[in-house]
Amino acid sequence: MSSDGVIAAISALDYLFVPIKADRLVLESTLNFATTINDRLIKTGVSALKGLHLFWNMVDRRERTTLYDVYQQGFSLLGLDCLKTRIPVRSNFTKDLSAMGGPVYRSTLFSPDAAFTKECGFDTFMDEIISVLKTE
């Protein structure tokens, strides 16, 4: 956040969606970032930012879901919103185009494979983001 222009760029946004991972170091860093943005830009009204929303990313489906619920209660105490949709960790996310063809996973030019999108919950995630944008 101390890099030139970062705060100015964030201030110009309407909404900020911040991925969070259930890893102590990542969690602490992300919460520090989110609370700073929330307290200094959103609550004060000095920016165009209307909302900051956390979302769980790289969720291991074998982990207890109650852990995430406890974290989300803590987010609420800090005045932070967290989306309900959780994006699972997948090895396919690291695959690029191959010479053999097949589904595209990391491309920002092509839409992902439909079955992959459904399995990872991207469709639900996008619906939730659209819902947030419509209600605020």
C-alpha atoms as a PDB file:
ATOM      1  CA  MET A   1       0.000   0.000   0.000  1.00  0.00           C
ATOM      2  CA  SER A   2       2.973   2.302   0.364  1.00  0.00           C
ATOM      3  CA  SER A   3       3.722   2.209  -3.370  1.00  0.00           C
ATOM      4  CA  ASP A   4       3.003   5.414  -5.254  1.00  0.00           C
ATOM      5  CA  GLY A   5      -0.532   5.653  -6.588  1.00  0.00           C
ATOM      6  CA  VAL A   6      -2.005   2.586  -4.857  1.00  0.00           C
ATOM      7  CA  ILE A   7      -4.213   4.504  -2.417  1.00  0.00           C
ATOM      8  CA  ALA A   8      -5.254   6.949  -5.155  1.00  0.00           C
ATOM      9  CA  ALA A   9      -6.213   4.052  -7.456  1.00  0.00           C
ATOM     10  CA  ILE A  10      -8.200   2.307  -4.709  1.00  0.00           C
ATOM     11  CA  SER A  11      -9.885   5.610  -3.802  1.00  0.00           C
ATOM     12  CA  ALA A  12     -11.181   5.938  -7.362  1.00  0.00           C
ATOM     13  CA  LEU A  13     -12.888   2.518  -7.333  1.00  0.00           C
ATOM     14  CA  ASP A  14     -16.585   2.041  -6.634  1.00  0.00           C
ATOM     15  CA  TYR A  15     -16.139  -1.389  -5.036  1.00  0.00           C
ATOM     16  CA  LEU A  16     -13.218  -3.492  -3.895  1.00  0.00           C
ATOM     17  CA  PHE A  17     -13.391  -7.292  -3.683  1.00  0.00           C
ATOM     18  CA  VAL A  18     -10.483  -8.702  -1.694  1.00  0.00           C
ATOM     19  CA  PRO A  19      -9.508 -12.396  -1.725  1.00  0.00           C
ATOM     20  CA  ILE A  20      -8.627 -13.890   1.634  1.00  0.00           C
ATOM     21  CA  LYS A  21      -7.011 -17.223   2.436  1.00  0.00           C
ATOM     22  CA  ALA A  22      -7.168 -19.241   5.661  1.00  0.00           C
ATOM     23  CA  ASP A  23      -3.443 -18.910   6.302  1.00  0.00           C
ATOM     24  CA  ARG A  24      -2.296 -16.966   9.373  1.00  0.00           C
ATOM     25  CA  LEU A  25       0.177 -14.699   7.589  1.00  0.00           C
ATOM     26  CA  VAL A  26      -2.125 -14.041   4.623  1.00  0.00           C
ATOM     27  CA  LEU A  27      -5.101 -13.518   6.933  1.00  0.00           C
ATOM     28  CA  GLU A  28      -3.259 -10.972   9.108  1.00  0.00           C
ATOM     29  CA  SER A  29      -1.948  -9.073   6.097  1.00  0.00           C
ATOM     30  CA  THR A  30      -5.305  -9.023   4.319  1.00  0.00           C
ATOM     31  CA  LEU A  31      -7.184  -7.920   7.438  1.00  0.00           C
ATOM     32  CA  ASN A  32      -4.679  -5.134   8.021  1.00  0.00           C
ATOM     33  CA  PHE A  33      -5.170  -3.971   4.426  1.00  0.00           C
ATOM     34  CA  ALA A  34      -8.973  -4.268   4.562  1.00  0.00           C
ATOM     35  CA  THR A  35      -9.409  -2.494   7.903  1.00  0.00           C
ATOM     36  CA  THR A  36      -7.077   0.309   6.794  1.00  0.00           C
ATOM     37  CA  ILE A  37      -9.046   0.846   3.583  1.00  0.00           C
ATOM     38  CA  ASN A  38     -12.363   0.567   5.424  1.00  0.00           C
ATOM     39  CA  ASP A  39     -11.393   2.970   8.231  1.00  0.00           C
ATOM     40  CA  ARG A  40      -9.520   5.563   6.164  1.00  0.00           C
ATOM     41  CA  LEU A  41     -11.406   5.618   2.869  1.00  0.00           C
ATOM     42  CA  ILE A  42     -14.915   4.210   3.269  1.00  0.00           C
ATOM     43  CA  LYS A  43     -15.975   5.293   6.775  1.00  0.00           C
ATOM     44  CA  THR A  44     -14.552   8.781   6.318  1.00  0.00           C
ATOM     45  CA  GLY A  45     -16.173   9.228   2.908  1.00  0.00           C
ATOM     46  CA  VAL A  46     -13.012  10.760   1.421  1.00  0.00           C
ATOM     47  CA  SER A  47     -13.108   8.413  -1.566  1.00  0.00           C
ATOM     48  CA  ALA A  48     -15.530   7.129  -4.188  1.00  0.00           C
ATOM     49  CA  LEU A  49     -15.276   3.661  -2.629  1.00  0.00           C
ATOM     50  CA  LYS A  50     -18.769   2.433  -1.706  1.00  0.00           C
ATOM     51  CA  GLY A  51     -17.849  -0.962  -0.348  1.00  0.00           C
ATOM     52  CA  LEU A  52     -15.112  -3.456   0.420  1.00  0.00           C
ATOM     53  CA  HIS A  53     -16.016  -7.134   0.378  1.00  0.00           C
ATOM     54  CA  LEU A  54     -13.774 -10.005   1.379  1.00  0.00           C
ATOM     55  CA  PHE A  55     -14.156 -13.427  -0.196  1.00  0.00           C
ATOM     56  CA  TRP A  56     -12.605 -16.771   0.645  1.00  0.00           C
ATOM     57  CA  ASN A  57     -10.158 -17.994  -1.970  1.00  0.00           C
ATOM     58  CA  MET A  58      -8.129 -21.209  -2.190  1.00  0.00           C
ATOM     59  CA  VAL A  59     -10.442 -23.008   0.232  1.00  0.00           C
ATOM     60  CA  ASP A  60      -9.465 -26.596   0.961  1.00  0.00           C
ATOM     61  CA  ARG A  61     -12.755 -28.492   0.963  1.00  0.00           C
ATOM     62  CA  ARG A  62     -11.350 -30.875   3.579  1.00  0.00           C
ATOM     63  CA  GLU A  63     -11.082 -28.072   6.148  1.00  0.00           C
ATOM     64  CA  ARG A  64     -13.807 -27.510   8.706  1.00  0.00           C
ATOM     65  CA  THR A  65     -16.361 -24.974   7.517  1.00  0.00           C
ATOM     66  CA  THR A  66     -16.915 -23.858  11.123  1.00  0.00           C
ATOM     67  CA  LEU A  67     -13.432 -22.328  11.036  1.00  0.00           C
ATOM     68  CA  TYR A  68     -14.529 -20.015   8.226  1.00  0.00           C
ATOM     69  CA  ASP A  69     -17.727 -19.144  10.094  1.00  0.00           C
ATOM     70  CA  VAL A  70     -15.704 -18.118  13.164  1.00  0.00           C
ATOM     71  CA  TYR A  71     -13.430 -15.974  11.002  1.00  0.00           C
ATOM     72  CA  GLN A  72     -16.452 -14.333   9.397  1.00  0.00           C
ATOM     73  CA  GLN A  73     -17.842 -13.438  12.820  1.00  0.00           C
ATOM     74  CA  GLY A  74     -14.525 -11.721  13.513  1.00  0.00           C
ATOM     75  CA  PHE A  75     -14.759  -9.848  10.210  1.00  0.00           C
ATOM     76  CA  SER A  76     -18.191  -8.571  11.258  1.00  0.00           C
ATOM     77  CA  LEU A  77     -16.749  -7.287  14.531  1.00  0.00           C
ATOM     78  CA  LEU A  78     -14.198  -5.334  12.480  1.00  0.00           C
ATOM     79  CA  GLY A  79     -16.983  -3.933  10.295  1.00  0.00           C
ATOM     80  CA  LEU A  80     -15.953  -5.977   7.256  1.00  0.00           C
ATOM     81  CA  ASP A  81     -18.288  -7.807   4.899  1.00  0.00           C
ATOM     82  CA  CYS A  82     -17.457 -11.268   3.566  1.00  0.00           C
ATOM     83  CA  LEU A  83     -19.213 -12.917   0.644  1.00  0.00           C
ATOM     84  CA  LYS A  84     -20.787 -16.325   1.229  1.00  0.00           C
ATOM     85  CA  THR A  85     -19.309 -17.988  -1.867  1.00  0.00           C
ATOM     86  CA  ARG A  86     -15.988 -19.746  -1.276  1.00  0.00           C
ATOM     87  CA  ILE A  87     -13.607 -20.422  -4.157  1.00  0.00           C
ATOM     88  CA  PRO A  88     -11.896 -23.812  -3.725  1.00  0.00           C
ATOM     89  CA  VAL A  89      -8.211 -24.483  -4.244  1.00  0.00           C
ATOM     90  CA  ARG A  90      -7.669 -26.303  -7.517  1.00  0.00           C
ATOM     91  CA  SER A  91      -4.549 -27.498  -9.275  1.00  0.00           C
ATOM     92  CA  ASN A  92      -6.261 -26.724 -12.589  1.00  0.00           C
ATOM     93  CA  PHE A  93      -5.956 -22.996 -11.866  1.00  0.00           C
ATOM     94  CA  THR A  94      -2.248 -23.249 -12.592  1.00  0.00           C
ATOM     95  CA  LYS A  95      -2.664 -24.859 -16.007  1.00  0.00           C
ATOM     96  CA  ASP A  96      -2.260 -22.740 -19.110  1.00  0.00           C
ATOM     97  CA  LEU A  97      -3.033 -23.493 -22.721  1.00  0.00           C
ATOM     98  CA  SER A  98      -1.427 -26.675 -23.845  1.00  0.00           C
ATOM     99  CA  ALA A  99      -0.297 -27.611 -27.333  1.00  0.00           C
ATOM    100  CA  MET A 100      -2.742 -30.513 -27.165  1.00  0.00           C
ATOM    101  CA  GLY A 101      -5.772 -28.232 -26.771  1.00  0.00           C
ATOM    102  CA  GLY A 102      -8.416 -28.784 -24.126  1.00  0.00           C
ATOM    103  CA  PRO A 103      -9.993 -26.416 -21.596  1.00  0.00           C
ATOM    104  CA  VAL A 104      -8.372 -23.088 -20.774  1.00  0.00           C
ATOM    105  CA  TYR A 105      -7.928 -22.353 -17.073  1.00  0.00           C
ATOM    106  CA  ARG A 106      -5.711 -19.275 -16.614  1.00  0.00           C
ATOM    107  CA  SER A 107      -6.570 -17.281 -19.678  1.00  0.00           C
ATOM    108  CA  THR A 108      -8.099 -13.849 -19.252  1.00  0.00           C
ATOM    109  CA  LEU A 109      -8.966 -13.800 -22.947  1.00  0.00           C
ATOM    110  CA  PHE A 110     -11.113 -16.926 -23.106  1.00  0.00           C
ATOM    111  CA  SER A 111     -13.945 -17.940 -20.823  1.00  0.00           C
ATOM    112  CA  PRO A 112     -13.226 -20.975 -18.657  1.00  0.00           C
ATOM    113  CA  ASP A 113     -14.661 -24.398 -19.353  1.00  0.00           C
ATOM    114  CA  ALA A 114     -18.354 -24.505 -18.278  1.00  0.00           C
ATOM    115  CA  ALA A 115     -18.001 -27.642 -16.127  1.00  0.00           C
ATOM    116  CA  PHE A 116     -14.931 -26.175 -14.419  1.00  0.00           C
ATOM    117  CA  THR A 117     -16.771 -22.892 -13.793  1.00  0.00           C
ATOM    118  CA  LYS A 118     -19.677 -24.707 -12.162  1.00  0.00           C
ATOM    119  CA  GLU A 119     -17.446 -26.996 -10.087  1.00  0.00           C
ATOM    120  CA  CYS A 120     -15.412 -24.071  -8.737  1.00  0.00           C
ATOM    121  CA  GLY A 121     -18.461 -21.989  -7.962  1.00  0.00           C
ATOM    122  CA  PHE A 122     -17.511 -19.111 -10.254  1.00  0.00           C
ATOM    123  CA  ASP A 123     -21.083 -18.816 -11.482  1.00  0.00           C
ATOM    124  CA  THR A 124     -22.380 -18.490  -7.910  1.00  0.00           C
ATOM    125  CA  PHE A 125     -19.540 -16.108  -7.059  1.00  0.00           C
ATOM    126  CA  MET A 126     -20.341 -13.814  -9.990  1.00  0.00           C
ATOM    127  CA  ASP A 127     -24.064 -13.904  -9.141  1.00  0.00           C
ATOM    128  CA  GLU A 128     -23.219 -12.853  -5.575  1.00  0.00           C
ATOM    129  CA  ILE A 129     -21.012  -9.993  -6.794  1.00  0.00           C
ATOM    130  CA  ILE A 130     -23.768  -8.810  -9.148  1.00  0.00           C
ATOM    131  CA  SER A 131     -26.233  -8.952  -6.246  1.00  0.00           C
ATOM    132  CA  VAL A 132     -23.924  -6.812  -4.093  1.00  0.00           C
ATOM    133  CA  LEU A 133     -23.534  -4.264  -6.873  1.00  0.00           C
ATOM    134  CA  LYS A 134     -27.289  -4.028  -7.406  1.00  0.00           C
ATOM    135  CA  THR A 135     -28.149  -3.582  -3.714  1.00  0.00           C
ATOM    136  CA  GLU A 136     -25.581  -0.955  -2.798  1.00  0.00           C
END
